[in-house]
Every structure is written in C-alpha cells, then in structure tokens.
Amino acid sequence: MSEVVDGLVPGDEHARMDIRQILDYLPHRYPILLVDRVLELVPGKRIKALKNVSVNEPYFPGHYPHHPVMPGVLIVEAMAQTAAILSFKTMGSKPNDQSVYYFVGIDNARFKKPVGPGDQLVLEVTLGAHKRGIWKFSGIARVDDQLVAEAELICAVRPTPQPT
C-alpha cells in the first residue's frame, strides 16, 4: 500500500501532469497557454504547477526590450489557468464545446518581484469555495522560493453562448 503524504499518494495519476495531459484540461494554446507542468494536484483542495519563462516569450520584445519583464497580468492568468485545471479535475470532467470556463474576478492582486527570462514560475492555487458554478481560489506565484505575486481569483463555468 502506498503511503499518503499531505493528501498525495505517490504515483497517483492526479498528482502530476505533463504538457500532453494539461492540453486535455485547458482550451488554451500557444501563445496564451501558461502552464507547462503540474507537480501536485489534490482535487477539491490544491494544485502546484510550473511555467518555464523563456526569452522567446512573445511579449518580451515589447515589455521591455532593455529589461524583459513578464507582465503581471500574465502571471495572474497563469494562476487562473492552474485554477482551471484544479476545477476540471475536481469536477471529474474536461472542457468541451458545451461550456466555457471564464476568469471573472481578481481581488487583492499584489506583485512583489519582477519575473524574467530563465525564471521558473511555481504556481500554487488553493480552492476556497465552489457554489453554483462559481469557483473562488487563492493563488501565489514563486520564483526560487521567493513570493513574486499573489491574488484571489474568481472563475465561473457557464454554458457556451449559442448563436442567435
């Protein structure tokens, strides 16, 4: 029998995800896909994921050419994508053309340090509440164990709008 450590069973299929598995749970694709790997996932509770920040990111030539910095809004978007994976794993479903997962709110966003090329962004998101298709999360982002950003996120799953 496997030992359970902090809610994770070693070898559990939910505990880690590679990019191919992530693509099954997020509708995003290049250049807006901002999650490269899931390190830990406990459905209904928390997730820890990675975003490898490359000098080849499409925003660096304009933000800023003399000192490349990952835009804070994209760090928060990376947290929201990480939260989406947690939501779908918690629901036991994958995105489809019948519903849309919207990022609907950001509260208390704070940016502590710049993120640049070569950094590995570690995203940790905890589920706070889920009620009637509304999901609330707390998210933090770290580089080298140093806090670089934090925010409270609100997301919603809604039916896909139908053409009129």
C-alpha atoms as a PDB file:
ATOM      1  CA  MET A   1       0.000   0.000   0.000  1.00  0.00           C
ATOM      2  CA  SER A   2       1.309   3.468  -0.924  1.00  0.00           C
ATOM      3  CA  GLU A   3       1.969   5.984   1.801  1.00  0.00           C
ATOM      4  CA  VAL A   4      -0.230   9.093   1.733  1.00  0.00           C
ATOM      5  CA  VAL A   5       1.775  12.291   2.227  1.00  0.00           C
ATOM      6  CA  ASP A   6      -0.149  15.558   2.615  1.00  0.00           C
ATOM      7  CA  GLY A   7      -3.109  14.170   0.684  1.00  0.00           C
ATOM      8  CA  LEU A   8      -0.994  12.791  -2.188  1.00  0.00           C
ATOM      9  CA  VAL A   9      -0.426   9.154  -2.967  1.00  0.00           C
ATOM     10  CA  PRO A  10       2.907   8.619  -4.777  1.00  0.00           C
ATOM     11  CA  GLY A  11       2.206   7.514  -8.330  1.00  0.00           C
ATOM     12  CA  ASP A  12      -1.381   8.829  -8.188  1.00  0.00           C
ATOM     13  CA  GLU A  13      -2.472   9.813 -11.708  1.00  0.00           C
ATOM     14  CA  HIS A  14      -3.851  13.096 -10.357  1.00  0.00           C
ATOM     15  CA  ALA A  15      -0.648  14.131  -8.610  1.00  0.00           C
ATOM     16  CA  ARG A  16       1.368  15.078 -11.729  1.00  0.00           C
ATOM     17  CA  MET A  17       0.534  16.120 -15.273  1.00  0.00           C
ATOM     18  CA  ASP A  18       2.765  16.634 -18.283  1.00  0.00           C
ATOM     19  CA  ILE A  19       2.012  19.047 -21.132  1.00  0.00           C
ATOM     20  CA  ARG A  20       0.010  16.464 -23.118  1.00  0.00           C
ATOM     21  CA  GLN A  21      -2.314  15.923 -20.149  1.00  0.00           C
ATOM     22  CA  ILE A  22      -2.566  19.665 -19.490  1.00  0.00           C
ATOM     23  CA  LEU A  23      -3.718  20.206 -23.091  1.00  0.00           C
ATOM     24  CA  ASP A  24      -6.668  17.889 -22.333  1.00  0.00           C
ATOM     25  CA  TYR A  25      -7.767  20.141 -19.451  1.00  0.00           C
ATOM     26  CA  LEU A  26      -7.144  23.620 -20.877  1.00  0.00           C
ATOM     27  CA  PRO A  27      -8.536  25.006 -24.142  1.00  0.00           C
ATOM     28  CA  HIS A  28      -5.606  27.458 -24.329  1.00  0.00           C
ATOM     29  CA  ARG A  29      -2.839  27.056 -26.902  1.00  0.00           C
ATOM     30  CA  TYR A  30       0.304  28.984 -27.851  1.00  0.00           C
ATOM     31  CA  PRO A  31       0.890  31.834 -27.219  1.00  0.00           C
ATOM     32  CA  ILE A  32      -1.542  32.057 -24.284  1.00  0.00           C
ATOM     33  CA  LEU A  33      -1.006  28.610 -22.718  1.00  0.00           C
ATOM     34  CA  LEU A  34       0.851  29.470 -19.495  1.00  0.00           C
ATOM     35  CA  VAL A  35       1.129  26.135 -17.639  1.00  0.00           C
ATOM     36  CA  ASP A  36       3.909  23.704 -18.583  1.00  0.00           C
ATOM     37  CA  ARG A  37       3.632  21.012 -15.901  1.00  0.00           C
ATOM     38  CA  VAL A  38       1.562  20.093 -12.855  1.00  0.00           C
ATOM     39  CA  LEU A  39       3.671  18.936  -9.921  1.00  0.00           C
ATOM     40  CA  GLU A  40       0.942  18.224  -7.380  1.00  0.00           C
ATOM     41  CA  LEU A  41      -2.825  18.095  -7.528  1.00  0.00           C
ATOM     42  CA  VAL A  42      -5.334  17.215  -4.842  1.00  0.00           C
ATOM     43  CA  PRO A  43      -8.835  17.510  -6.380  1.00  0.00           C
ATOM     44  CA  GLY A  44     -11.089  19.761  -4.338  1.00  0.00           C
ATOM     45  CA  LYS A  45      -8.135  21.264  -2.475  1.00  0.00           C
ATOM     46  CA  ARG A  46      -4.991  22.479  -4.207  1.00  0.00           C
ATOM     47  CA  ILE A  47      -2.629  22.352  -7.164  1.00  0.00           C
ATOM     48  CA  LYS A  48       1.014  23.233  -7.778  1.00  0.00           C
ATOM     49  CA  ALA A  49       2.175  23.896 -11.340  1.00  0.00           C
ATOM     50  CA  LEU A  50       5.121  25.290 -13.323  1.00  0.00           C
ATOM     51  CA  LYS A  51       5.532  27.902 -16.022  1.00  0.00           C
ATOM     52  CA  ASN A  52       9.025  27.998 -17.523  1.00  0.00           C
ATOM     53  CA  VAL A  53       9.646  31.585 -18.586  1.00  0.00           C
ATOM     54  CA  SER A  54      11.688  31.650 -21.795  1.00  0.00           C
ATOM     55  CA  VAL A  55      13.390  34.566 -23.505  1.00  0.00           C
ATOM     56  CA  ASN A  56      11.346  33.502 -26.556  1.00  0.00           C
ATOM     57  CA  GLU A  57       8.014  34.522 -24.971  1.00  0.00           C
ATOM     58  CA  PRO A  58       6.128  36.729 -27.463  1.00  0.00           C
ATOM     59  CA  TYR A  59       5.669  39.628 -25.006  1.00  0.00           C
ATOM     60  CA  PHE A  60       9.347  40.197 -24.120  1.00  0.00           C
ATOM     61  CA  PRO A  61      10.302  42.275 -27.210  1.00  0.00           C
ATOM     62  CA  GLY A  62       7.755  44.900 -26.136  1.00  0.00           C
ATOM     63  CA  HIS A  63       7.810  44.516 -22.314  1.00  0.00           C
ATOM     64  CA  TYR A  64      10.577  45.811 -22.021  1.00  0.00           C
ATOM     65  CA  PRO A  65      13.296  45.432 -24.690  1.00  0.00           C
ATOM     66  CA  HIS A  66      16.050  46.774 -22.413  1.00  0.00           C
ATOM     67  CA  HIS A  67      14.896  44.787 -19.327  1.00  0.00           C
ATOM     68  CA  PRO A  68      12.416  41.956 -20.157  1.00  0.00           C
ATOM     69  CA  VAL A  69       9.700  41.531 -17.528  1.00  0.00           C
ATOM     70  CA  MET A  70       6.768  39.098 -17.635  1.00  0.00           C
ATOM     71  CA  PRO A  71       3.578  41.188 -17.441  1.00  0.00           C
ATOM     72  CA  GLY A  72       1.817  40.827 -14.097  1.00  0.00           C
ATOM     73  CA  VAL A  73      -1.486  40.217 -15.851  1.00  0.00           C
ATOM     74  CA  LEU A  74       0.046  37.084 -17.441  1.00  0.00           C
ATOM     75  CA  ILE A  75       1.269  35.843 -14.068  1.00  0.00           C
ATOM     76  CA  VAL A  76      -2.311  36.146 -12.804  1.00  0.00           C
ATOM     77  CA  GLU A  77      -3.570  34.455 -15.991  1.00  0.00           C
ATOM     78  CA  ALA A  78      -1.143  31.576 -15.314  1.00  0.00           C
ATOM     79  CA  MET A  79      -2.682  31.261 -11.828  1.00  0.00           C
ATOM     80  CA  ALA A  80      -6.175  31.260 -13.374  1.00  0.00           C
ATOM     81  CA  GLN A  81      -5.214  28.512 -15.852  1.00  0.00           C
ATOM     82  CA  THR A  82      -3.787  26.498 -12.963  1.00  0.00           C
ATOM     83  CA  ALA A  83      -7.084  27.043 -11.112  1.00  0.00           C
ATOM     84  CA  ALA A  84      -8.999  25.845 -14.188  1.00  0.00           C
ATOM     85  CA  ILE A  85      -7.105  22.550 -14.169  1.00  0.00           C
ATOM     86  CA  LEU A  86      -7.946  22.128 -10.472  1.00  0.00           C
ATOM     87  CA  SER A  87     -11.614  22.901 -11.194  1.00  0.00           C
ATOM     88  CA  PHE A  88     -11.912  20.384 -14.024  1.00  0.00           C
ATOM     89  CA  LYS A  89     -10.100  17.687 -12.031  1.00  0.00           C
ATOM     90  CA  THR A  90     -12.388  18.414  -9.066  1.00  0.00           C
ATOM     91  CA  MET A  91     -15.492  18.144 -11.303  1.00  0.00           C
ATOM     92  CA  GLY A  92     -14.117  14.989 -12.907  1.00  0.00           C
ATOM     93  CA  SER A  93     -14.602  16.456 -16.386  1.00  0.00           C
ATOM     94  CA  LYS A  94     -12.712  18.096 -19.226  1.00  0.00           C
ATOM     95  CA  PRO A  95     -13.512  21.270 -21.166  1.00  0.00           C
ATOM     96  CA  ASN A  96     -15.889  20.823 -24.079  1.00  0.00           C
ATOM     97  CA  ASP A  97     -17.861  22.907 -26.543  1.00  0.00           C
ATOM     98  CA  GLN A  98     -20.933  22.915 -24.260  1.00  0.00           C
ATOM     99  CA  SER A  99     -19.432  25.196 -21.600  1.00  0.00           C
ATOM    100  CA  VAL A 100     -16.883  27.960 -21.129  1.00  0.00           C
ATOM    101  CA  TYR A 101     -14.635  28.480 -18.111  1.00  0.00           C
ATOM    102  CA  TYR A 102     -14.448  32.245 -17.525  1.00  0.00           C
ATOM    103  CA  PHE A 103     -11.997  34.169 -15.370  1.00  0.00           C
ATOM    104  CA  VAL A 104     -14.446  36.644 -13.777  1.00  0.00           C
ATOM    105  CA  GLY A 105     -12.638  38.348 -10.916  1.00  0.00           C
ATOM    106  CA  ILE A 106      -9.324  39.275  -9.346  1.00  0.00           C
ATOM    107  CA  ASP A 107      -9.048  40.589  -5.814  1.00  0.00           C
ATOM    108  CA  ASN A 108      -6.057  41.669  -3.767  1.00  0.00           C
ATOM    109  CA  ALA A 109      -3.512  41.125  -6.546  1.00  0.00           C
ATOM    110  CA  ARG A 110      -0.008  42.056  -5.452  1.00  0.00           C
ATOM    111  CA  PHE A 111       3.265  41.866  -7.362  1.00  0.00           C
ATOM    112  CA  LYS A 112       6.365  41.573  -5.211  1.00  0.00           C
ATOM    113  CA  LYS A 113       9.245  40.980  -7.653  1.00  0.00           C
ATOM    114  CA  PRO A 114       9.702  41.026 -11.423  1.00  0.00           C
ATOM    115  CA  VAL A 115       9.749  37.754 -13.361  1.00  0.00           C
ATOM    116  CA  GLY A 116      12.078  37.481 -16.335  1.00  0.00           C
ATOM    117  CA  PRO A 117      13.624  35.128 -18.884  1.00  0.00           C
ATOM    118  CA  GLY A 118      15.083  31.986 -17.343  1.00  0.00           C
ATOM    119  CA  ASP A 119      12.813  32.083 -14.291  1.00  0.00           C
ATOM    120  CA  GLN A 120      10.695  29.110 -13.332  1.00  0.00           C
ATOM    121  CA  LEU A 121       7.354  30.326 -12.045  1.00  0.00           C
ATOM    122  CA  VAL A 122       5.875  27.964  -9.437  1.00  0.00           C
ATOM    123  CA  LEU A 123       2.113  28.472  -9.218  1.00  0.00           C
ATOM    124  CA  GLU A 124       0.219  27.336  -6.132  1.00  0.00           C
ATOM    125  CA  VAL A 125      -3.558  27.592  -6.116  1.00  0.00           C
ATOM    126  CA  THR A 126      -5.907  26.590  -3.305  1.00  0.00           C
ATOM    127  CA  LEU A 127      -9.664  26.153  -3.724  1.00  0.00           C
ATOM    128  CA  GLY A 128     -11.539  28.350  -1.267  1.00  0.00           C
ATOM    129  CA  ALA A 129     -15.168  27.773  -2.250  1.00  0.00           C
ATOM    130  CA  HIS A 130     -17.324  26.357  -5.028  1.00  0.00           C
ATOM    131  CA  LYS A 131     -21.023  27.088  -5.348  1.00  0.00           C
ATOM    132  CA  ARG A 132     -23.394  27.077  -8.357  1.00  0.00           C
ATOM    133  CA  GLY A 133     -20.624  27.180 -10.951  1.00  0.00           C
ATOM    134  CA  ILE A 134     -18.630  29.925  -9.189  1.00  0.00           C
ATOM    135  CA  TRP A 135     -15.142  28.974  -8.020  1.00  0.00           C
ATOM    136  CA  LYS A 136     -13.022  31.029  -5.609  1.00  0.00           C
ATOM    137  CA  PHE A 137      -9.288  30.459  -5.227  1.00  0.00           C
ATOM    138  CA  SER A 138      -6.210  31.845  -3.525  1.00  0.00           C
ATOM    139  CA  GLY A 139      -3.117  31.865  -5.705  1.00  0.00           C
ATOM    140  CA  ILE A 140       0.545  32.581  -5.215  1.00  0.00           C
ATOM    141  CA  ALA A 141       3.474  32.570  -7.603  1.00  0.00           C
ATOM    142  CA  ARG A 142       7.076  31.998  -6.565  1.00  0.00           C
ATOM    143  CA  VAL A 143      10.479  32.049  -8.235  1.00  0.00           C
ATOM    144  CA  ASP A 144      13.305  30.332  -6.352  1.00  0.00           C
ATOM    145  CA  ASP A 145      11.034  30.015  -3.286  1.00  0.00           C
ATOM    146  CA  GLN A 146      10.507  33.796  -3.217  1.00  0.00           C
ATOM    147  CA  LEU A 147       6.986  35.188  -3.478  1.00  0.00           C
ATOM    148  CA  VAL A 148       6.609  37.177  -6.713  1.00  0.00           C
ATOM    149  CA  ALA A 149       2.809  37.559  -6.905  1.00  0.00           C
ATOM    150  CA  GLU A 150      -0.417  36.699  -5.130  1.00  0.00           C
ATOM    151  CA  ALA A 151      -4.117  37.122  -5.855  1.00  0.00           C
ATOM    152  CA  GLU A 152      -7.594  35.887  -5.070  1.00  0.00           C
ATOM    153  CA  LEU A 153      -9.292  34.556  -8.206  1.00  0.00           C
ATOM    154  CA  ILE A 154     -12.924  34.031  -9.136  1.00  0.00           C
ATOM    155  CA  CYS A 155     -13.889  31.826 -12.069  1.00  0.00           C
ATOM    156  CA  ALA A 156     -17.212  30.629 -13.469  1.00  0.00           C
ATOM    157  CA  VAL A 157     -18.323  27.743 -15.638  1.00  0.00           C
ATOM    158  CA  ARG A 158     -21.172  28.772 -17.930  1.00  0.00           C
ATOM    159  CA  PRO A 159     -22.929  27.244 -20.935  1.00  0.00           C
ATOM    160  CA  THR A 160     -21.407  28.186 -24.276  1.00  0.00           C
ATOM    161  CA  PRO A 161     -23.318  31.124 -25.785  1.00  0.00           C
ATOM    162  CA  GLN A 162     -25.402  29.926 -28.719  1.00  0.00           C
ATOM    163  CA  PRO A 163     -25.601  31.895 -31.984  1.00  0.00           C
ATOM    164  CA  THR A 164     -28.846  33.802 -32.417  1.00  0.00           C
END
